[in-house]
């Protein structure tokens, strides 16, 4: 979507959704309740509580949260390429951290025969 030249609203929406799924997936892995929320800060806080050693703390997810809903209803909000690139960077940071926090056999891309 980045290479398409815009509009970038859909790409931002998908970065938010990816981060939300990674955080909720981590909570599920830890057998924690998964709240019905798009608020990434709340999900992040719950992940930190359930993991004594959290692999990242310097990522500010607050800016991604509005992409879950704002993009669908705010016709004035049109993220540019730089905003979208940063959103993708944050999503990649979360992905890397979540995969580092769980055993390899729990990674979504590992087939059972690879173990």
PDB file of N, CA and C in Angstrom:
ATOM      1  N   UNK A   1       0.820  -1.192   0.000  1.00  0.00           N
ATOM      2  CA  UNK A   1       0.000   0.000   0.000  1.00  0.00           C
ATOM      3  C   UNK A   1       0.862   1.253   0.000  1.00  0.00           C
ATOM      4  N   UNK A   2       2.034   1.169   0.629  1.00  0.00           N
ATOM      5  CA  UNK A   2       2.933   2.326   0.634  1.00  0.00           C
ATOM      6  C   UNK A   2       3.410   2.674  -0.769  1.00  0.00           C
ATOM      7  N   UNK A   3       3.656   1.679  -1.558  1.00  0.00           N
ATOM      8  CA  UNK A   3       4.191   1.909  -2.889  1.00  0.00           C
ATOM      9  C   UNK A   3       3.144   2.395  -3.872  1.00  0.00           C
ATOM     10  N   UNK A   4       1.890   2.343  -3.491  1.00  0.00           N
ATOM     11  CA  UNK A   4       0.819   2.738  -4.390  1.00  0.00           C
ATOM     12  C   UNK A   4       0.652   4.233  -4.553  1.00  0.00           C
ATOM     13  N   UNK A   5       1.322   5.028  -3.752  1.00  0.00           N
ATOM     14  CA  UNK A   5       1.215   6.475  -3.882  1.00  0.00           C
ATOM     15  C   UNK A   5       0.032   7.088  -3.173  1.00  0.00           C
ATOM     16  N   UNK A   6      -0.629   6.342  -2.342  1.00  0.00           N
ATOM     17  CA  UNK A   6      -1.732   6.884  -1.557  1.00  0.00           C
ATOM     18  C   UNK A   6      -3.061   6.636  -2.237  1.00  0.00           C
ATOM     19  N   UNK A   7      -4.134   6.920  -1.582  1.00  0.00           N
ATOM     20  CA  UNK A   7      -4.194   7.420  -0.212  1.00  0.00           C
ATOM     21  C   UNK A   7      -3.732   6.350   0.773  1.00  0.00           C
ATOM     22  N   UNK A   8      -3.273   6.808   1.915  1.00  0.00           N
ATOM     23  CA  UNK A   8      -2.623   5.928   2.875  1.00  0.00           C
ATOM     24  C   UNK A   8      -3.494   5.554   4.069  1.00  0.00           C
ATOM     25  N   UNK A   9      -4.739   5.967   4.052  1.00  0.00           N
ATOM     26  CA  UNK A   9      -5.604   5.694   5.203  1.00  0.00           C
ATOM     27  C   UNK A   9      -5.775   4.199   5.456  1.00  0.00           C
ATOM     28  N   UNK A  10      -5.917   3.418   4.410  1.00  0.00           N
ATOM     29  CA  UNK A  10      -6.095   1.976   4.577  1.00  0.00           C
ATOM     30  C   UNK A  10      -4.849   1.334   5.178  1.00  0.00           C
ATOM     31  N   UNK A  11      -3.680   1.773   4.749  1.00  0.00           N
ATOM     32  CA  UNK A  11      -2.430   1.235   5.295  1.00  0.00           C
ATOM     33  C   UNK A  11      -2.326   1.546   6.785  1.00  0.00           C
ATOM     34  N   UNK A  12      -2.691   2.762   7.179  1.00  0.00           N
ATOM     35  CA  UNK A  12      -2.653   3.118   8.602  1.00  0.00           C
ATOM     36  C   UNK A  12      -3.640   2.276   9.395  1.00  0.00           C
ATOM     37  N   UNK A  13      -4.822   2.060   8.845  1.00  0.00           N
ATOM     38  CA  UNK A  13      -5.810   1.211   9.509  1.00  0.00           C
ATOM     39  C   UNK A  13      -5.231  -0.184   9.745  1.00  0.00           C
ATOM     40  N   UNK A  14      -4.597  -0.741   8.730  1.00  0.00           N
ATOM     41  CA  UNK A  14      -4.058  -2.097   8.861  1.00  0.00           C
ATOM     42  C   UNK A  14      -2.876  -2.167   9.820  1.00  0.00           C
ATOM     43  N   UNK A  15      -2.095  -1.103   9.944  1.00  0.00           N
ATOM     44  CA  UNK A  15      -1.012  -1.129  10.936  1.00  0.00           C
ATOM     45  C   UNK A  15      -1.601  -1.169  12.342  1.00  0.00           C
ATOM     46  N   UNK A  16      -2.652  -0.398  12.576  1.00  0.00           N
ATOM     47  CA  UNK A  16      -3.307  -0.420  13.886  1.00  0.00           C
ATOM     48  C   UNK A  16      -3.859  -1.799  14.167  1.00  0.00           C
ATOM     49  N   UNK A  17      -4.520  -2.381  13.180  1.00  0.00           N
ATOM     50  CA  UNK A  17      -5.115  -3.698  13.369  1.00  0.00           C
ATOM     51  C   UNK A  17      -4.052  -4.760  13.627  1.00  0.00           C
ATOM     52  N   UNK A  18      -2.931  -4.678  12.938  1.00  0.00           N
ATOM     53  CA  UNK A  18      -1.846  -5.641  13.150  1.00  0.00           C
ATOM     54  C   UNK A  18      -1.316  -5.553  14.574  1.00  0.00           C
ATOM     55  N   UNK A  19      -1.082  -4.331  15.042  1.00  0.00           N
ATOM     56  CA  UNK A  19      -0.581  -4.151  16.407  1.00  0.00           C
ATOM     57  C   UNK A  19      -1.601  -4.665  17.410  1.00  0.00           C
ATOM     58  N   UNK A  20      -2.857  -4.346  17.191  1.00  0.00           N
ATOM     59  CA  UNK A  20      -3.914  -4.821  18.095  1.00  0.00           C
ATOM     60  C   UNK A  20      -3.921  -6.349  18.153  1.00  0.00           C
ATOM     61  N   UNK A  21      -3.790  -6.994  17.015  1.00  0.00           N
ATOM     62  CA  UNK A  21      -3.794  -8.461  16.976  1.00  0.00           C
ATOM     63  C   UNK A  21      -2.555  -9.047  17.644  1.00  0.00           C
ATOM     64  N   UNK A  22      -1.413  -8.434  17.449  1.00  0.00           N
ATOM     65  CA  UNK A  22      -0.205  -8.927  18.117  1.00  0.00           C
ATOM     66  C   UNK A  22      -0.340  -8.827  19.632  1.00  0.00           C
ATOM     67  N   UNK A  23      -0.827  -7.690  20.122  1.00  0.00           N
ATOM     68  CA  UNK A  23      -0.971  -7.520  21.569  1.00  0.00           C
ATOM     69  C   UNK A  23      -2.021  -8.470  22.138  1.00  0.00           C
ATOM     70  N   UNK A  24      -3.147  -8.608  21.460  1.00  0.00           N
ATOM     71  CA  UNK A  24      -4.185  -9.524  21.929  1.00  0.00           C
ATOM     72  C   UNK A  24      -3.701 -10.976  21.826  1.00  0.00           C
ATOM     73  N   UNK A  25      -2.935 -11.274  20.806  1.00  0.00           N
ATOM     74  CA  UNK A  25      -2.371 -12.609  20.677  1.00  0.00           C
ATOM     75  C   UNK A  25      -1.427 -12.927  21.819  1.00  0.00           C
ATOM     76  N   UNK A  26      -0.641 -11.932  22.220  1.00  0.00           N
ATOM     77  CA  UNK A  26       0.259 -12.123  23.351  1.00  0.00           C
ATOM     78  C   UNK A  26      -0.536 -12.385  24.621  1.00  0.00           C
ATOM     79  N   UNK A  27      -1.587 -11.614  24.835  1.00  0.00           N
ATOM     80  CA  UNK A  27      -2.436 -11.838  26.008  1.00  0.00           C
ATOM     81  C   UNK A  27      -3.050 -13.233  25.979  1.00  0.00           C
ATOM     82  N   UNK A  28      -3.481 -13.674  24.811  1.00  0.00           N
ATOM     83  CA  UNK A  28      -4.041 -15.019  24.686  1.00  0.00           C
ATOM     84  C   UNK A  28      -2.980 -16.064  25.006  1.00  0.00           C
ATOM     85  N   UNK A  29      -1.762 -15.857  24.515  1.00  0.00           N
ATOM     86  CA  UNK A  29      -0.676 -16.783  24.795  1.00  0.00           C
ATOM     87  C   UNK A  29      -0.419 -16.887  26.294  1.00  0.00           C
ATOM     88  N   UNK A  30      -0.525 -15.750  26.985  1.00  0.00           N
ATOM     89  CA  UNK A  30      -0.318 -15.716  28.435  1.00  0.00           C
ATOM     90  C   UNK A  30      -1.574 -16.134  29.213  1.00  0.00           C
ATOM     91  N   UNK A  31      -2.615 -16.529  28.477  1.00  0.00           N
ATOM     92  CA  UNK A  31      -3.888 -16.946  29.064  1.00  0.00           C
ATOM     93  C   UNK A  31      -4.512 -15.854  29.927  1.00  0.00           C
ATOM     94  N   UNK A  32      -4.396 -14.637  29.450  1.00  0.00           N
ATOM     95  CA  UNK A  32      -4.989 -13.475  30.111  1.00  0.00           C
ATOM     96  C   UNK A  32      -6.296 -13.113  29.406  1.00  0.00           C
ATOM     97  N   UNK A  33      -7.212 -12.471  30.117  1.00  0.00           N
ATOM     98  CA  UNK A  33      -8.440 -12.007  29.464  1.00  0.00           C
ATOM     99  C   UNK A  33      -8.107 -10.990  28.371  1.00  0.00           C
ATOM    100  N   UNK A  34      -8.865 -11.037  27.315  1.00  0.00           N
ATOM    101  CA  UNK A  34      -8.647 -10.122  26.194  1.00  0.00           C
ATOM    102  C   UNK A  34      -9.813  -9.143  26.160  1.00  0.00           C
ATOM    103  N   UNK A  35      -9.540  -7.884  26.446  1.00  0.00           N
ATOM    104  CA  UNK A  35     -10.632  -6.911  26.468  1.00  0.00           C
ATOM    105  C   UNK A  35     -11.119  -6.573  25.060  1.00  0.00           C
ATOM    106  N   UNK A  36     -12.362  -6.170  24.969  1.00  0.00           N
ATOM    107  CA  UNK A  36     -12.938  -5.724  23.706  1.00  0.00           C
ATOM    108  C   UNK A  36     -12.623  -4.238  23.554  1.00  0.00           C
ATOM    109  N   UNK A  37     -11.437  -3.953  23.030  1.00  0.00           N
ATOM    110  CA  UNK A  37     -11.010  -2.570  22.871  1.00  0.00           C
ATOM    111  C   UNK A  37     -10.068  -2.464  21.686  1.00  0.00           C
ATOM    112  N   UNK A  38     -10.041  -1.264  21.119  1.00  0.00           N
ATOM    113  CA  UNK A  38      -9.052  -0.943  20.081  1.00  0.00           C
ATOM    114  C   UNK A  38      -7.928  -0.100  20.669  1.00  0.00           C
ATOM    115  N   UNK A  39      -8.022   0.194  21.961  1.00  0.00           N
ATOM    116  CA  UNK A  39      -7.056   1.076  22.614  1.00  0.00           C
ATOM    117  C   UNK A  39      -5.728   0.343  22.812  1.00  0.00           C
ATOM    118  N   UNK A  40      -4.750   0.702  22.006  1.00  0.00           N
ATOM    119  CA  UNK A  40      -3.468   0.008  22.040  1.00  0.00           C
ATOM    120  C   UNK A  40      -2.687   0.294  23.313  1.00  0.00           C
ATOM    121  N   UNK A  41      -2.850   1.468  23.889  1.00  0.00           N
ATOM    122  CA  UNK A  41      -2.171   1.767  25.157  1.00  0.00           C
ATOM    123  C   UNK A  41      -2.677   0.855  26.270  1.00  0.00           C
ATOM    124  N   UNK A  42      -3.980   0.623  26.297  1.00  0.00           N
ATOM    125  CA  UNK A  42      -4.545  -0.264  27.313  1.00  0.00           C
ATOM    126  C   UNK A  42      -4.043  -1.695  27.109  1.00  0.00           C
ATOM    127  N   UNK A  43      -4.049  -2.155  25.878  1.00  0.00           N
ATOM    128  CA  UNK A  43      -3.564  -3.509  25.586  1.00  0.00           C
ATOM    129  C   UNK A  43      -2.082  -3.640  25.925  1.00  0.00           C
ATOM    130  N   UNK A  44      -1.313  -2.631  25.601  1.00  0.00           N
ATOM    131  CA  UNK A  44       0.121  -2.607  25.895  1.00  0.00           C
ATOM    132  C   UNK A  44       0.361  -2.721  27.407  1.00  0.00           C
ATOM    133  N   UNK A  45      -0.418  -1.946  28.168  1.00  0.00           N
ATOM    134  CA  UNK A  45      -0.299  -1.979  29.631  1.00  0.00           C
ATOM    135  C   UNK A  45      -0.596  -3.372  30.165  1.00  0.00           C
ATOM    136  N   UNK A  46      -1.620  -4.013  29.640  1.00  0.00           N
ATOM    137  CA  UNK A  46      -1.960  -5.369  30.071  1.00  0.00           C
ATOM    138  C   UNK A  46      -0.854  -6.361  29.720  1.00  0.00           C
ATOM    139  N   UNK A  47      -0.226  -6.174  28.591  1.00  0.00           N
ATOM    140  CA  UNK A  47       0.883  -7.059  28.201  1.00  0.00           C
ATOM    141  C   UNK A  47       2.061  -6.901  29.151  1.00  0.00           C
ATOM    142  N   UNK A  48       2.365  -5.680  29.516  1.00  0.00           N
ATOM    143  CA  UNK A  48       3.481  -5.436  30.428  1.00  0.00           C
ATOM    144  C   UNK A  48       3.217  -6.080  31.781  1.00  0.00           C
ATOM    145  N   UNK A  49       1.975  -5.994  32.258  1.00  0.00           N
ATOM    146  CA  UNK A  49       1.611  -6.592  33.540  1.00  0.00           C
ATOM    147  C   UNK A  49       1.792  -8.108  33.491  1.00  0.00           C
ATOM    148  N   UNK A  50       1.475  -8.714  32.352  1.00  0.00           N
ATOM    149  CA  UNK A  50       1.536 -10.174  32.267  1.00  0.00           C
ATOM    150  C   UNK A  50       2.919 -10.703  31.899  1.00  0.00           C
ATOM    151  N   UNK A  51       3.857  -9.813  31.617  1.00  0.00           N
ATOM    152  CA  UNK A  51       5.218 -10.245  31.264  1.00  0.00           C
ATOM    153  C   UNK A  51       6.219  -9.490  32.123  1.00  0.00           C
ATOM    154  N   UNK A  52       6.837 -10.143  33.074  1.00  0.00           N
ATOM    155  CA  UNK A  52       7.777  -9.469  33.969  1.00  0.00           C
ATOM    156  C   UNK A  52       8.946  -8.811  33.228  1.00  0.00           C
ATOM    157  N   UNK A  53       9.385  -9.428  32.154  1.00  0.00           N
ATOM    158  CA  UNK A  53      10.455  -8.831  31.347  1.00  0.00           C
ATOM    159  C   UNK A  53       9.856  -8.546  29.979  1.00  0.00           C
ATOM    160  N   UNK A  54       9.507  -7.298  29.769  1.00  0.00           N
ATOM    161  CA  UNK A  54       8.884  -6.921  28.508  1.00  0.00           C
ATOM    162  C   UNK A  54       9.971  -6.468  27.542  1.00  0.00           C
ATOM    163  N   UNK A  55       9.945  -6.950  26.304  1.00  0.00           N
ATOM    164  CA  UNK A  55      11.045  -6.697  25.378  1.00  0.00           C
ATOM    165  C   UNK A  55      11.151  -5.275  24.830  1.00  0.00           C
ATOM    166  N   UNK A  56      10.141  -4.470  24.990  1.00  0.00           N
ATOM    167  CA  UNK A  56      10.278  -3.084  24.543  1.00  0.00           C
ATOM    168  C   UNK A  56       9.442  -2.163  25.408  1.00  0.00           C
ATOM    169  N   UNK A  57       9.959  -0.972  25.607  1.00  0.00           N
ATOM    170  CA  UNK A  57       9.236   0.009  26.412  1.00  0.00           C
ATOM    171  C   UNK A  57       9.252   1.391  25.768  1.00  0.00           C
ATOM    172  N   UNK A  58       9.978   1.547  24.707  1.00  0.00           N
ATOM    173  CA  UNK A  58      10.150   2.863  24.099  1.00  0.00           C
ATOM    174  C   UNK A  58       9.198   3.136  22.942  1.00  0.00           C
ATOM    175  N   UNK A  59       8.208   2.304  22.739  1.00  0.00           N
ATOM    176  CA  UNK A  59       7.293   2.476  21.622  1.00  0.00           C
ATOM    177  C   UNK A  59       6.020   3.146  22.108  1.00  0.00           C
ATOM    178  N   UNK A  60       5.664   4.265  21.482  1.00  0.00           N
ATOM    179  CA  UNK A  60       4.452   4.992  21.847  1.00  0.00           C
ATOM    180  C   UNK A  60       3.343   4.599  20.874  1.00  0.00           C
ATOM    181  N   UNK A  61       2.414   3.805  21.354  1.00  0.00           N
ATOM    182  CA  UNK A  61       1.348   3.299  20.498  1.00  0.00           C
ATOM    183  C   UNK A  61       0.121   4.206  20.460  1.00  0.00           C
ATOM    184  N   UNK A  62       0.145   5.282  21.227  1.00  0.00           N
ATOM    185  CA  UNK A  62      -1.017   6.169  21.309  1.00  0.00           C
ATOM    186  C   UNK A  62      -1.408   6.716  19.942  1.00  0.00           C
ATOM    187  N   UNK A  63      -0.423   6.986  19.106  1.00  0.00           N
ATOM    188  CA  UNK A  63      -0.757   7.574  17.811  1.00  0.00           C
ATOM    189  C   UNK A  63      -1.436   6.588  16.858  1.00  0.00           C
ATOM    190  N   UNK A  64      -1.273   5.288  17.091  1.00  0.00           N
ATOM    191  CA  UNK A  64      -1.904   4.300  16.214  1.00  0.00           C
ATOM    192  C   UNK A  64      -3.361   4.028  16.571  1.00  0.00           C
ATOM    193  N   UNK A  65      -3.722   4.185  17.825  1.00  0.00           N
ATOM    194  CA  UNK A  65      -5.073   3.846  18.273  1.00  0.00           C
ATOM    195  C   UNK A  65      -6.170   4.507  17.434  1.00  0.00           C
ATOM    196  N   UNK A  66      -6.077   5.799  17.123  1.00  0.00           N
ATOM    197  CA  UNK A  66      -7.163   6.419  16.352  1.00  0.00           C
ATOM    198  C   UNK A  66      -7.357   5.835  14.954  1.00  0.00           C
ATOM    199  N   UNK A  67      -6.358   5.165  14.422  1.00  0.00           N
ATOM    200  CA  UNK A  67      -6.481   4.611  13.076  1.00  0.00           C
ATOM    201  C   UNK A  67      -7.521   3.507  12.997  1.00  0.00           C
ATOM    202  N   UNK A  68      -7.920   2.934  14.127  1.00  0.00           N
ATOM    203  CA  UNK A  68      -8.926   1.875  14.129  1.00  0.00           C
ATOM    204  C   UNK A  68     -10.302   2.413  13.762  1.00  0.00           C
ATOM    205  N   UNK A  69     -10.611   3.613  14.203  1.00  0.00           N
ATOM    206  CA  UNK A  69     -11.953   4.154  14.009  1.00  0.00           C
ATOM    207  C   UNK A  69     -11.932   5.487  13.278  1.00  0.00           C
ATOM    208  N   UNK A  70     -11.022   6.362  13.649  1.00  0.00           N
ATOM    209  CA  UNK A  70     -10.985   7.719  13.081  1.00  0.00           C
ATOM    210  C   UNK A  70     -10.960   7.692  11.561  1.00  0.00           C
ATOM    211  N   UNK A  71     -10.204   6.787  10.999  1.00  0.00           N
ATOM    212  CA  UNK A  71     -10.079   6.745   9.548  1.00  0.00           C
ATOM    213  C   UNK A  71     -11.379   6.401   8.854  1.00  0.00           C
ATOM    214  N   UNK A  72     -12.271   5.731   9.559  1.00  0.00           N
ATOM    215  CA  UNK A  72     -13.542   5.354   8.941  1.00  0.00           C
ATOM    216  C   UNK A  72     -14.590   6.458   9.018  1.00  0.00           C
ATOM    217  N   UNK A  73     -14.429   7.373   9.969  1.00  0.00           N
ATOM    218  CA  UNK A  73     -15.477   8.362  10.198  1.00  0.00           C
ATOM    219  C   UNK A  73     -15.029   9.811  10.065  1.00  0.00           C
ATOM    220  N   UNK A  74     -13.749  10.070  10.079  1.00  0.00           N
ATOM    221  CA  UNK A  74     -13.245  11.433   9.977  1.00  0.00           C
ATOM    222  C   UNK A  74     -12.771  11.662   8.546  1.00  0.00           C
ATOM    223  N   UNK A  75     -13.604  12.289   7.747  1.00  0.00           N
ATOM    224  CA  UNK A  75     -13.294  12.475   6.332  1.00  0.00           C
ATOM    225  C   UNK A  75     -12.258  13.566   6.090  1.00  0.00           C
ATOM    226  N   UNK A  76     -11.840  14.228   7.145  1.00  0.00           N
ATOM    227  CA  UNK A  76     -10.804  15.253   7.061  1.00  0.00           C
ATOM    228  C   UNK A  76      -9.405  14.676   7.295  1.00  0.00           C
ATOM    229  N   UNK A  77      -9.341  13.474   7.849  1.00  0.00           N
ATOM    230  CA  UNK A  77      -8.063  12.888   8.229  1.00  0.00           C
ATOM    231  C   UNK A  77      -7.506  12.062   7.075  1.00  0.00           C
ATOM    232  N   UNK A  78      -6.410  12.533   6.501  1.00  0.00           N
ATOM    233  CA  UNK A  78      -5.740  11.820   5.424  1.00  0.00           C
ATOM    234  C   UNK A  78      -4.261  11.745   5.736  1.00  0.00           C
ATOM    235  N   UNK A  79      -3.791  10.616   6.264  1.00  0.00           N
ATOM    236  CA  UNK A  79      -2.380  10.491   6.597  1.00  0.00           C
ATOM    237  C   UNK A  79      -1.513  10.555   5.336  1.00  0.00           C
ATOM    238  N   UNK A  80      -0.351  11.132   5.480  1.00  0.00           N
ATOM    239  CA  UNK A  80       0.582  11.192   4.362  1.00  0.00           C
ATOM    240  C   UNK A  80       1.525   9.994   4.407  1.00  0.00           C
ATOM    241  N   UNK A  81       2.428   9.928   3.459  1.00  0.00           N
ATOM    242  CA  UNK A  81       3.342   8.794   3.364  1.00  0.00           C
ATOM    243  C   UNK A  81       4.234   8.692   4.600  1.00  0.00           C
ATOM    244  N   UNK A  82       4.729   9.824   5.097  1.00  0.00           N
ATOM    245  CA  UNK A  82       5.603   9.814   6.266  1.00  0.00           C
ATOM    246  C   UNK A  82       4.875   9.258   7.484  1.00  0.00           C
ATOM    247  N   UNK A  83       3.646   9.669   7.692  1.00  0.00           N
ATOM    248  CA  UNK A  83       2.835   9.163   8.795  1.00  0.00           C
ATOM    249  C   UNK A  83       2.647   7.656   8.663  1.00  0.00           C
ATOM    250  N   UNK A  84       2.380   7.222   7.459  1.00  0.00           N
ATOM    251  CA  UNK A  84       2.152   5.800   7.205  1.00  0.00           C
ATOM    252  C   UNK A  84       3.424   4.987   7.404  1.00  0.00           C
ATOM    253  N   UNK A  85       4.537   5.509   6.959  1.00  0.00           N
ATOM    254  CA  UNK A  85       5.818   4.820   7.162  1.00  0.00           C
ATOM    255  C   UNK A  85       6.122   4.667   8.651  1.00  0.00           C
ATOM    256  N   UNK A  86       5.822   5.707   9.425  1.00  0.00           N
ATOM    257  CA  UNK A  86       6.057   5.637  10.868  1.00  0.00           C
ATOM    258  C   UNK A  86       5.114   4.614  11.513  1.00  0.00           C
ATOM    259  N   UNK A  87       3.873   4.582  11.080  1.00  0.00           N
ATOM    260  CA  UNK A  87       2.919   3.601  11.608  1.00  0.00           C
ATOM    261  C   UNK A  87       3.409   2.182  11.308  1.00  0.00           C
ATOM    262  N   UNK A  88       3.915   1.964  10.114  1.00  0.00           N
ATOM    263  CA  UNK A  88       4.443   0.650   9.760  1.00  0.00           C
ATOM    264  C   UNK A  88       5.671   0.311  10.600  1.00  0.00           C
ATOM    265  N   UNK A  89       6.518   1.281  10.837  1.00  0.00           N
ATOM    266  CA  UNK A  89       7.692   1.077  11.688  1.00  0.00           C
ATOM    267  C   UNK A  89       7.261   0.633  13.091  1.00  0.00           C
ATOM    268  N   UNK A  90       6.274   1.303  13.663  1.00  0.00           N
ATOM    269  CA  UNK A  90       5.784   0.933  14.995  1.00  0.00           C
ATOM    270  C   UNK A  90       5.211  -0.486  14.996  1.00  0.00           C
ATOM    271  N   UNK A  91       4.455  -0.819  13.962  1.00  0.00           N
ATOM    272  CA  UNK A  91       3.883  -2.167  13.878  1.00  0.00           C
ATOM    273  C   UNK A  91       4.990  -3.218  13.797  1.00  0.00           C
ATOM    274  N   UNK A  92       6.032  -2.933  13.049  1.00  0.00           N
ATOM    275  CA  UNK A  92       7.156  -3.865  12.950  1.00  0.00           C
ATOM    276  C   UNK A  92       7.887  -4.006  14.285  1.00  0.00           C
ATOM    277  N   UNK A  93       8.001  -2.914  15.043  1.00  0.00           N
ATOM    278  CA  UNK A  93       8.628  -2.970  16.357  1.00  0.00           C
ATOM    279  C   UNK A  93       7.827  -3.857  17.307  1.00  0.00           C
ATOM    280  N   UNK A  94       6.522  -3.722  17.269  1.00  0.00           N
ATOM    281  CA  UNK A  94       5.661  -4.538  18.119  1.00  0.00           C
ATOM    282  C   UNK A  94       5.768  -6.004  17.709  1.00  0.00           C
ATOM    283  N   UNK A  95       5.736  -6.274  16.418  1.00  0.00           N
ATOM    284  CA  UNK A  95       5.856  -7.656  15.934  1.00  0.00           C
ATOM    285  C   UNK A  95       7.157  -8.286  16.426  1.00  0.00           C
ATOM    286  N   UNK A  96       8.253  -7.575  16.262  1.00  0.00           N
ATOM    287  CA  UNK A  96       9.555  -8.082  16.690  1.00  0.00           C
ATOM    288  C   UNK A  96       9.566  -8.358  18.190  1.00  0.00           C
ATOM    289  N   UNK A  97       9.007  -7.445  18.971  1.00  0.00           N
ATOM    290  CA  UNK A  97       8.999  -7.599  20.430  1.00  0.00           C
ATOM    291  C   UNK A  97       8.131  -8.768  20.865  1.00  0.00           C
ATOM    292  N   UNK A  98       6.971  -8.903  20.272  1.00  0.00           N
ATOM    293  CA  UNK A  98       6.075 -10.001  20.648  1.00  0.00           C
ATOM    294  C   UNK A  98       6.733 -11.334  20.313  1.00  0.00           C
ATOM    295  N   UNK A  99       7.312 -11.440  19.138  1.00  0.00           N
ATOM    296  CA  UNK A  99       7.963 -12.701  18.762  1.00  0.00           C
ATOM    297  C   UNK A  99       9.152 -13.006  19.665  1.00  0.00           C
ATOM    298  N   UNK A 100       9.824 -11.972  20.151  1.00  0.00           N
ATOM    299  CA  UNK A 100      10.940 -12.184  21.076  1.00  0.00           C
ATOM    300  C   UNK A 100      10.447 -12.624  22.455  1.00  0.00           C
ATOM    301  N   UNK A 101       9.204 -12.300  22.778  1.00  0.00           N
ATOM    302  CA  UNK A 101       8.673 -12.581  24.112  1.00  0.00           C
ATOM    303  C   UNK A 101       8.009 -13.950  24.222  1.00  0.00           C
ATOM    304  N   UNK A 102       7.848 -14.642  23.105  1.00  0.00           N
ATOM    305  CA  UNK A 102       7.216 -15.956  23.152  1.00  0.00           C
ATOM    306  C   UNK A 102       8.168 -17.004  22.567  1.00  0.00           C
ATOM    307  N   UNK A 103       7.997 -18.263  22.970  1.00  0.00           N
ATOM    308  CA  UNK A 103       8.877 -19.306  22.437  1.00  0.00           C
ATOM    309  C   UNK A 103       8.720 -19.459  20.921  1.00  0.00           C
ATOM    310  N   UNK A 104       9.781 -19.874  20.275  1.00  0.00           N
ATOM    311  CA  UNK A 104       9.767 -20.005  18.819  1.00  0.00           C
ATOM    312  C   UNK A 104       8.631 -20.899  18.335  1.00  0.00           C
ATOM    313  N   UNK A 105       8.357 -21.963  19.060  1.00  0.00           N
ATOM    314  CA  UNK A 105       7.303 -22.880  18.615  1.00  0.00           C
ATOM    315  C   UNK A 105       5.920 -22.236  18.611  1.00  0.00           C
ATOM    316  N   UNK A 106       5.769 -21.102  19.249  1.00  0.00           N
ATOM    317  CA  UNK A 106       4.494 -20.386  19.253  1.00  0.00           C
ATOM    318  C   UNK A 106       4.419 -19.336  18.149  1.00  0.00           C
ATOM    319  N   UNK A 107       5.501 -19.132  17.412  1.00  0.00           N
ATOM    320  CA  UNK A 107       5.487 -18.138  16.335  1.00  0.00           C
ATOM    321  C   UNK A 107       4.512 -18.574  15.237  1.00  0.00           C
ATOM    322  N   UNK A 108       3.806 -17.629  14.668  1.00  0.00           N
ATOM    323  CA  UNK A 108       2.786 -17.982  13.687  1.00  0.00           C
ATOM    324  C   UNK A 108       3.340 -18.579  12.393  1.00  0.00           C
ATOM    325  N   UNK A 109       4.586 -18.302  12.073  1.00  0.00           N
ATOM    326  CA  UNK A 109       5.149 -18.767  10.805  1.00  0.00           C
ATOM    327  C   UNK A 109       5.940 -20.062  10.936  1.00  0.00           C
ATOM    328  N   UNK A 110       6.023 -20.634  12.114  1.00  0.00           N
ATOM    329  CA  UNK A 110       6.791 -21.862  12.325  1.00  0.00           C
ATOM    330  C   UNK A 110       5.863 -23.060  12.163  1.00  0.00           C
ATOM    331  N   UNK A 111       6.233 -23.942  11.259  1.00  0.00           N
ATOM    332  CA  UNK A 111       5.479 -25.170  11.065  1.00  0.00           C
ATOM    333  C   UNK A 111       5.960 -26.210  12.069  1.00  0.00           C
ATOM    334  N   UNK A 112       5.099 -27.107  12.442  1.00  0.00           N
ATOM    335  CA  UNK A 112       5.444 -28.108  13.433  1.00  0.00           C
ATOM    336  C   UNK A 112       6.635 -28.961  13.019  1.00  0.00           C
ATOM    337  N   UNK A 113       6.784 -29.253  11.721  1.00  0.00           N
ATOM    338  CA  UNK A 113       7.911 -30.073  11.290  1.00  0.00           C
ATOM    339  C   UNK A 113       9.246 -29.324  11.398  1.00  0.00           C
ATOM    340  N   UNK A 114       9.229 -27.996  11.518  1.00  0.00           N
ATOM    341  CA  UNK A 114      10.471 -27.230  11.683  1.00  0.00           C
ATOM    342  C   UNK A 114      11.017 -27.362  13.094  1.00  0.00           C
ATOM    343  N   UNK A 115      10.187 -27.784  14.046  1.00  0.00           N
ATOM    344  CA  UNK A 115      10.613 -27.889  15.433  1.00  0.00           C
ATOM    345  C   UNK A 115      11.356 -29.141  15.619  1.00  0.00           C
TER     346      UNK A 115
END
